[in-house]
Protein backbone atom coordinates (compact mmCIF):
# COMPACT_ATOMS: atom_id res chain seq x y z
CA UNK A 1 150.96 77.66 157.18
CA UNK A 2 149.99 80.53 159.29
CA UNK A 3 149.34 79.67 162.97
CA UNK A 4 145.97 81.16 163.68
CA UNK A 5 144.79 81.16 167.28
CA UNK A 6 142.87 84.15 168.13
CA UNK A 7 139.49 85.37 166.43
CA UNK A 8 138.23 88.82 166.82
CA UNK A 9 134.46 89.26 166.27
CA UNK A 10 133.16 92.95 165.64
CA UNK A 11 129.77 93.78 166.52
CA UNK A 12 127.20 93.17 169.26
CA UNK A 13 123.94 92.37 167.26
CA UNK A 14 122.17 89.06 166.59
CA UNK A 15 124.64 88.07 163.87
CA UNK A 16 127.78 88.58 166.01
CA UNK A 17 126.00 86.77 168.88
CA UNK A 18 125.17 83.80 166.94
CA UNK A 19 128.83 83.40 165.79
CA UNK A 20 129.99 83.85 169.71
CA UNK A 21 127.39 81.46 171.12
CA UNK A 22 128.06 78.76 168.51
CA UNK A 23 131.72 79.04 168.88
CA UNK A 24 131.17 78.48 172.60
CA UNK A 25 129.16 75.33 172.07
CA UNK A 26 131.21 73.78 169.28
CA UNK A 27 134.89 74.60 169.61
CA UNK A 28 136.99 71.33 169.91
CA UNK A 29 140.37 73.02 169.88
CA UNK A 30 141.53 76.01 172.19
CA UNK A 31 140.58 79.23 170.82
CA UNK A 32 140.43 82.93 172.26
CA UNK A 33 137.66 85.17 170.93
CA UNK A 34 137.76 88.87 171.44
CA UNK A 35 134.35 90.63 171.07
CA UNK A 36 134.64 94.29 169.95
CA UNK A 37 131.69 96.80 169.91
CA UNK A 38 130.48 100.04 171.18
CA UNK A 39 127.39 98.99 173.15
CA UNK A 40 128.94 98.17 176.59
CA UNK A 41 125.90 96.49 178.09
CA UNK A 42 125.47 94.29 174.93
CA UNK A 43 129.26 93.62 174.79
CA UNK A 44 129.57 92.57 178.48
CA UNK A 45 126.59 90.34 178.00
CA UNK A 46 127.91 88.38 174.90
CA UNK A 47 131.21 87.82 176.71
CA UNK A 48 129.56 86.69 179.87
CA UNK A 49 127.08 84.46 177.95
CA UNK A 50 129.93 83.10 175.76
CA UNK A 51 132.12 81.96 178.65
CA UNK A 52 129.04 80.52 180.33
CA UNK A 53 128.27 78.51 177.23
CA UNK A 54 131.75 77.26 176.84
CA UNK A 55 131.70 76.09 180.46
CA UNK A 56 128.32 74.61 180.03
CA UNK A 57 129.30 72.62 176.91
CA UNK A 58 132.76 71.79 178.34
CA UNK A 59 134.52 73.58 175.20
CA UNK A 60 138.06 75.09 175.29
CA UNK A 61 136.92 78.73 174.13
CA UNK A 62 137.38 81.71 175.99
CA UNK A 63 135.87 85.31 175.41
CA UNK A 64 137.01 88.85 176.21
CA UNK A 65 135.54 92.31 175.57
CA UNK A 66 136.97 95.17 173.64
CA UNK A 67 135.19 98.46 173.47
CA UNK A 68 135.36 100.43 170.11
CA UNK A 69 133.44 102.64 168.02
CA UNK A 70 134.31 101.68 164.51
CA UNK A 71 132.84 104.96 163.18
CA UNK A 72 135.47 106.93 165.06
CA UNK A 73 138.73 108.10 163.22
CA UNK A 74 141.47 105.35 163.27
CA UNK A 75 139.48 103.14 165.60
CA UNK A 76 139.77 100.08 163.50
CA UNK A 77 143.65 100.49 163.43
CA UNK A 78 143.94 100.88 167.12
CA UNK A 79 141.68 97.66 167.67
CA UNK A 80 144.06 95.66 165.51
CA UNK A 81 147.11 96.76 167.19
CA UNK A 82 145.79 96.29 170.65
CA UNK A 83 144.42 92.78 169.95
CA UNK A 84 146.79 91.41 167.24
CA UNK A 85 144.10 88.86 165.92
CA UNK A 86 144.73 86.11 163.39
CA UNK A 87 141.11 86.17 162.13
CA UNK A 88 138.61 88.91 162.00
CA UNK A 89 134.97 88.33 161.42
CA UNK A 90 133.43 91.70 160.88
CA UNK A 91 129.67 91.68 161.82
CA UNK A 92 129.12 95.23 162.71
CA UNK A 93 126.98 97.39 160.36
CA UNK A 94 125.24 100.67 160.30
CA UNK A 95 122.32 99.14 158.29
CA UNK A 96 120.48 96.28 160.31
CA UNK A 97 119.51 93.14 158.29
CA UNK A 98 115.95 93.44 159.79
CA UNK A 99 115.05 95.99 157.00
CA UNK A 100 114.23 92.90 154.80
CA UNK A 101 111.18 92.19 157.15
CA UNK A 102 110.10 95.72 157.52
CA UNK A 103 107.71 97.70 155.48
CA UNK A 104 107.01 100.61 157.82
CA UNK A 105 108.85 103.45 156.17
CA UNK A 106 109.54 104.80 152.62
CA UNK A 107 113.31 103.60 152.96
CA UNK A 108 112.08 100.06 153.80
CA UNK A 109 109.79 100.23 150.75
CA UNK A 110 112.70 101.41 148.60
CA UNK A 111 114.68 98.25 149.79
CA UNK A 112 111.77 96.00 148.94
CA UNK A 113 111.12 97.58 145.70
CA UNK A 114 114.69 98.06 144.43
CA UNK A 115 116.45 95.20 146.30
CA UNK A 116 118.92 94.72 149.04
CA UNK A 117 121.74 96.15 147.09
CA UNK A 118 120.57 99.68 147.99
CA UNK A 119 121.96 98.89 151.47
CA UNK A 120 125.33 97.80 150.14
CA UNK A 121 127.09 101.05 150.81
CA UNK A 122 125.84 101.28 154.24
CA UNK A 123 126.74 97.58 154.91
CA UNK A 124 130.24 98.26 153.34
CA UNK A 125 131.45 101.15 155.32
CA UNK A 126 132.61 99.71 158.52
CA UNK A 127 134.12 96.44 156.71
CA UNK A 128 136.00 98.90 154.34
CA UNK A 129 137.55 100.55 157.23
CA UNK A 130 138.55 97.44 158.86
CA UNK A 131 139.98 96.10 155.71
CA UNK A 132 142.11 99.35 155.20
CA UNK A 133 143.45 99.07 158.80
CA UNK A 134 144.46 95.44 158.14
CA UNK A 135 146.23 96.56 154.91
CA UNK A 136 147.94 99.44 156.92
CA UNK A 137 149.03 97.00 159.66
CA UNK A 138 150.84 94.83 157.31
CA UNK A 139 149.72 91.72 159.49
CA UNK A 140 148.70 88.47 157.96
CA UNK A 141 145.05 88.60 159.17
CA UNK A 142 142.26 86.40 157.56
CA UNK A 143 139.30 88.93 157.13
CA UNK A 144 135.63 87.65 156.78
CA UNK A 145 132.98 90.41 155.97
CA UNK A 146 129.48 89.32 157.22
CA UNK A 147 127.56 92.50 155.95
CA UNK A 148 126.06 91.65 152.49
CA UNK A 149 129.22 89.73 151.27
CA UNK A 150 127.71 88.73 147.80
CA UNK A 151 128.25 92.50 146.76
CA UNK A 152 130.26 94.40 149.51
CA UNK A 153 133.26 91.96 149.06
CA UNK A 154 133.59 93.10 145.59
CA UNK A 155 133.98 96.68 146.92
CA UNK A 156 136.62 95.63 149.35
CA UNK A 157 138.46 93.81 146.55
CA UNK A 158 138.44 96.67 144.20
CA UNK A 159 139.97 98.89 146.73
CA UNK A 160 142.91 96.60 146.80
CA UNK A 161 142.34 94.83 150.24
CA UNK A 162 142.38 91.19 150.84
CA UNK A 163 139.07 89.37 151.88
CA UNK A 164 138.60 85.84 152.57
CA UNK A 165 134.76 85.51 152.16
CA UNK A 166 131.46 86.20 153.97
CA UNK A 167 129.00 84.01 155.76
CA UNK A 168 125.57 83.00 155.19
CA UNK A 169 123.41 83.73 152.22
CA UNK A 170 124.47 80.67 149.93
CA UNK A 171 125.25 78.71 153.11
CA UNK A 172 121.71 79.17 154.42
CA UNK A 173 120.45 77.18 151.31
CA UNK A 174 123.30 74.62 151.20
CA UNK A 175 122.81 73.67 154.89
CA UNK A 176 119.09 73.83 154.68
CA UNK A 177 119.08 71.63 151.67
CA UNK A 178 121.60 69.25 153.23
CA UNK A 179 119.56 69.18 156.36
CA UNK A 180 116.43 68.51 154.69
CA UNK A 181 117.99 65.38 152.94
CA UNK A 182 119.53 64.32 156.07
CA UNK A 183 123.07 64.23 154.51
CA UNK A 184 125.52 62.97 157.01
CA UNK A 185 128.40 64.20 154.70
CA UNK A 186 127.28 67.70 153.50
CA UNK A 187 129.97 67.76 150.90
CA UNK A 188 127.75 65.45 148.75
CA UNK A 189 125.96 68.74 147.88
CA UNK A 190 127.66 71.45 146.00
CA UNK A 191 125.68 74.63 144.63
CA UNK A 192 125.88 78.15 143.13
CA UNK A 193 123.65 80.59 144.72
CA UNK A 194 123.20 84.36 144.96
CA UNK A 195 121.56 85.97 147.75
CA UNK A 196 118.60 87.02 145.46
CA UNK A 197 117.91 83.07 145.42
CA UNK A 198 116.94 83.33 149.09
CA UNK A 199 113.78 85.17 148.41
CA UNK A 200 112.04 82.46 146.64
CA UNK A 201 112.47 80.00 149.55
CA UNK A 202 110.66 82.54 151.88
CA UNK A 203 107.58 81.86 149.81
CA UNK A 204 105.19 78.83 149.61
CA UNK A 205 106.42 76.26 147.03
CA UNK A 206 103.70 77.23 144.39
CA UNK A 207 104.92 80.87 144.30
CA UNK A 208 108.68 80.12 143.61
CA UNK A 209 109.15 81.28 140.04
CA UNK A 210 112.38 83.27 139.83
CA UNK A 211 115.62 81.78 138.70
CA UNK A 212 116.56 78.94 141.15
CA UNK A 213 120.10 78.21 142.65
CA UNK A 214 122.16 75.52 140.88
CA UNK A 215 122.65 72.32 142.81
CA UNK A 216 124.64 69.15 142.43
CA UNK A 217 124.28 66.02 144.61
CA UNK A 218 126.96 63.35 144.10
CA UNK A 219 128.25 65.12 141.03
CA UNK A 220 124.84 65.28 139.24
CA UNK A 221 122.93 68.51 138.81
CA UNK A 222 119.51 68.51 140.23
CA UNK A 223 117.05 69.29 137.34
CA UNK A 224 114.18 70.86 139.36
CA UNK A 225 115.53 72.52 142.51
CA UNK A 226 112.19 73.89 143.57
CA UNK A 227 110.49 70.58 143.40
CA UNK A 228 113.37 68.55 144.93
CA UNK A 229 113.51 71.10 147.99
CA UNK A 230 110.04 72.06 148.11
CA UNK A 231 109.88 71.32 151.93
CA UNK A 232 112.60 73.89 152.68
CA UNK A 233 110.98 77.24 153.86
CA UNK A 234 113.00 80.07 155.27
CA UNK A 235 111.67 82.63 157.74
CA UNK A 236 110.77 85.99 156.19
CA UNK A 237 113.01 87.63 158.80
CA UNK A 238 116.96 87.25 158.40
CA UNK A 239 117.67 83.59 158.90
CA UNK A 240 120.32 84.33 161.57
CA UNK A 241 120.04 80.86 163.21
CA UNK A 242 121.64 79.35 160.13
CA UNK A 243 123.52 82.41 158.51
CA UNK A 244 125.45 83.48 161.55
CA UNK A 245 126.17 79.79 162.50
CA UNK A 246 127.31 78.85 158.90
CA UNK A 247 130.65 80.74 159.36
CA UNK A 248 131.44 79.02 162.65
CA UNK A 249 132.90 75.65 161.42
CA UNK A 250 135.07 77.55 158.95
CA UNK A 251 136.42 80.04 161.57
CA UNK A 252 137.26 77.20 164.07
CA UNK A 253 138.90 75.14 161.30
CA UNK A 254 141.03 77.95 160.31
CA UNK A 255 141.98 78.76 163.72
CA UNK A 256 143.12 75.20 164.28
CA UNK A 257 144.80 74.66 161.00
CA UNK A 258 142.11 71.88 159.79
CA UNK A 259 140.75 71.37 156.42
CA UNK A 260 137.00 72.20 155.72
CA UNK A 261 134.56 72.13 152.86
CA UNK A 262 131.30 74.04 152.49
CA UNK A 263 129.70 77.20 150.79
CA UNK A 264 130.53 80.77 151.32
CA UNK A 265 129.45 84.14 149.64
CA UNK A 266 131.91 86.41 148.15
CA UNK A 267 135.08 84.47 148.22
CA UNK A 268 138.04 86.60 147.44
CA UNK A 269 135.66 89.41 146.36
CA UNK A 270 133.64 87.23 143.69
CA UNK A 271 130.05 88.07 143.27
CA UNK A 272 127.42 85.65 144.74
CA UNK A 273 128.03 82.40 146.50
CA UNK A 274 130.20 79.26 145.67
CA UNK A 275 131.42 75.88 147.05
CA UNK A 276 134.83 76.01 148.60
CA UNK A 277 137.49 74.14 150.48
CA UNK A 278 139.98 75.23 153.10
CA UNK A 279 143.28 73.62 152.73
CA UNK A 280 146.66 74.76 154.26
CA UNK A 281 145.07 77.93 155.64
CA UNK A 282 143.81 78.97 152.28
CA UNK A 283 140.28 79.12 150.86
CA UNK A 284 139.63 78.04 147.28
CA UNK A 285 136.77 77.34 144.92
CA UNK A 286 135.55 73.55 144.95
CA UNK A 287 133.36 73.69 141.85
CA UNK A 288 131.23 70.72 140.63
CA UNK A 289 132.29 68.75 137.79
CA UNK A 290 132.10 70.49 134.35
CA UNK A 291 131.99 74.04 135.91
CA UNK A 292 134.90 76.43 135.53
CA UNK A 293 135.37 79.59 137.57
CA UNK A 294 134.68 81.97 134.80
CA UNK A 295 131.19 80.30 134.22
CA UNK A 296 130.33 80.23 137.90
CA UNK A 297 131.33 84.05 138.17
CA UNK A 298 129.17 84.94 135.08
CA UNK A 299 126.11 83.00 136.57
CA UNK A 300 126.30 84.80 139.94
CA UNK A 301 127.08 88.12 138.32
CA UNK A 302 124.01 88.00 136.11
CA UNK A 303 121.72 88.52 139.08
CA UNK A 304 123.14 91.98 139.98
CA UNK A 305 123.37 92.90 136.09
CA UNK A 306 119.57 92.31 135.84
CA UNK A 307 118.86 94.28 138.95
CA UNK A 308 121.17 95.40 141.76
CA UNK A 309 124.74 96.77 141.95
CA UNK A 310 127.76 95.79 139.90
CA UNK A 311 131.39 96.52 140.77
CA UNK A 312 133.36 96.73 137.35
CA UNK A 313 137.00 96.63 136.73
CA UNK A 314 138.72 99.75 137.92
CA UNK A 315 136.34 100.21 140.85
CA UNK A 316 133.28 101.81 139.05
CA UNK A 317 129.94 100.86 140.56
CA UNK A 318 126.89 100.66 138.54
CA UNK A 319 123.20 100.36 139.77
CA UNK A 320 121.00 98.20 137.34
CA UNK A 321 117.46 97.35 136.54
CA UNK A 322 114.75 97.91 139.16
CA UNK A 323 117.31 99.35 141.68
CA UNK A 324 118.62 101.98 139.28
CA UNK A 325 114.88 102.99 138.41
CA UNK A 326 113.89 103.13 142.10
CA UNK A 327 117.04 105.25 143.01
CA UNK A 328 116.44 107.56 139.98
CA UNK A 329 113.00 108.34 141.61
CA UNK A 330 114.45 109.33 144.83
CA UNK A 331 118.03 110.83 144.02
CA UNK A 332 119.18 110.93 140.39
CA UNK A 333 122.76 111.68 141.46
CA UNK A 334 123.14 108.38 143.37
CA UNK A 335 121.47 106.44 140.65
CA UNK A 336 124.38 107.20 138.38
CA UNK A 337 126.71 105.21 140.42
CA UNK A 338 130.15 106.03 141.95
CA UNK A 339 133.68 104.70 142.26
CA UNK A 340 134.76 102.78 145.16
CA UNK A 341 137.28 105.26 146.16
CA UNK A 342 134.52 107.64 147.03
CA UNK A 343 132.83 105.31 149.30
CA UNK A 344 132.98 107.56 152.56
CA UNK A 345 131.12 110.44 150.64
CA UNK A 346 128.75 108.13 148.96
CA UNK A 347 127.89 106.57 152.33
CA UNK A 348 127.07 109.93 153.81
CA UNK A 349 124.66 110.70 150.65
CA UNK A 350 122.76 107.15 151.22
CA UNK A 351 122.65 107.95 154.93
CA UNK A 352 121.04 111.29 154.17
CA UNK A 353 118.62 109.60 151.99
CA UNK A 354 117.83 106.93 154.32
CA UNK A 355 117.05 109.29 157.21
CA UNK A 356 114.82 111.47 154.99
CA UNK A 357 112.84 108.36 153.86
CA UNK A 358 112.69 106.91 157.24
CA UNK A 359 111.32 110.19 158.68
CA UNK A 360 108.75 110.63 155.99
């Protein structure tokens, strides 16, 4: 079994902060965390606050800064060589998650109308660069992508890179559901959920009409998920308090060589979210009775096939449904899709579109 000890967290935004602060408050085994980012003031503060919280709670976690701009050429490779991490949680992105709560620009309205998958390329760029650097390094590094993993992890996988999973999304709902029912053993609940399932739980119960997630409790499927969890209501803003926190038990279990069960989005590049278990340093599906992997993948993939972004065999990416229609209105060339090998050029096209729409 790989002896993981050090964790590298990239990014200095709210998602990275949640990871850092909750590691500091909950670590039971010694762990060293390097926080990497380009905003010096924010970077120093996360490290200072992380070490302060570890001292406050009496936890064996330590934090150190590493300044890096992942948009710079070869920056990810230098970061890996300088720090030699066993685990990387990549939480840096050129597209803030706050766009889901914003309606003040044409870009934000495109995201609202076409769906979050229009941000996938922008969310993918830095994670793809880090994944490429890991592959080139030849090191056995457990890589987690925190940026839109239900979709982006499929891009990383199609490019031939290893990806463990992401954090949040399905885990927001699974932990909210377990918490609402006061389950002392959260493994009593298993579910399948795509990121698109979150939107309904930001609405009042009477307005929840879209396809719900599938949920099993003690091996029995819940027949009416919306009724059963009608008291669960998510914030309309990104649920960082849950999503960023959800990856921390997995990171710490992996770092300490312990077993763990829970839910993650995008495990090994699969679309959507699944129940999983960590055993002997490897993450595997832990599906409910009667559910096989092929059926679970089909159920999750169907959401993007109806409206979103689908990564096909061979790395071709297709935009579908309302997202394809919305993109066609603004940029017919982008609406035709692309191959994952062209991610750098496609990113620039999306950035040009985003800047144009944000300015108009």
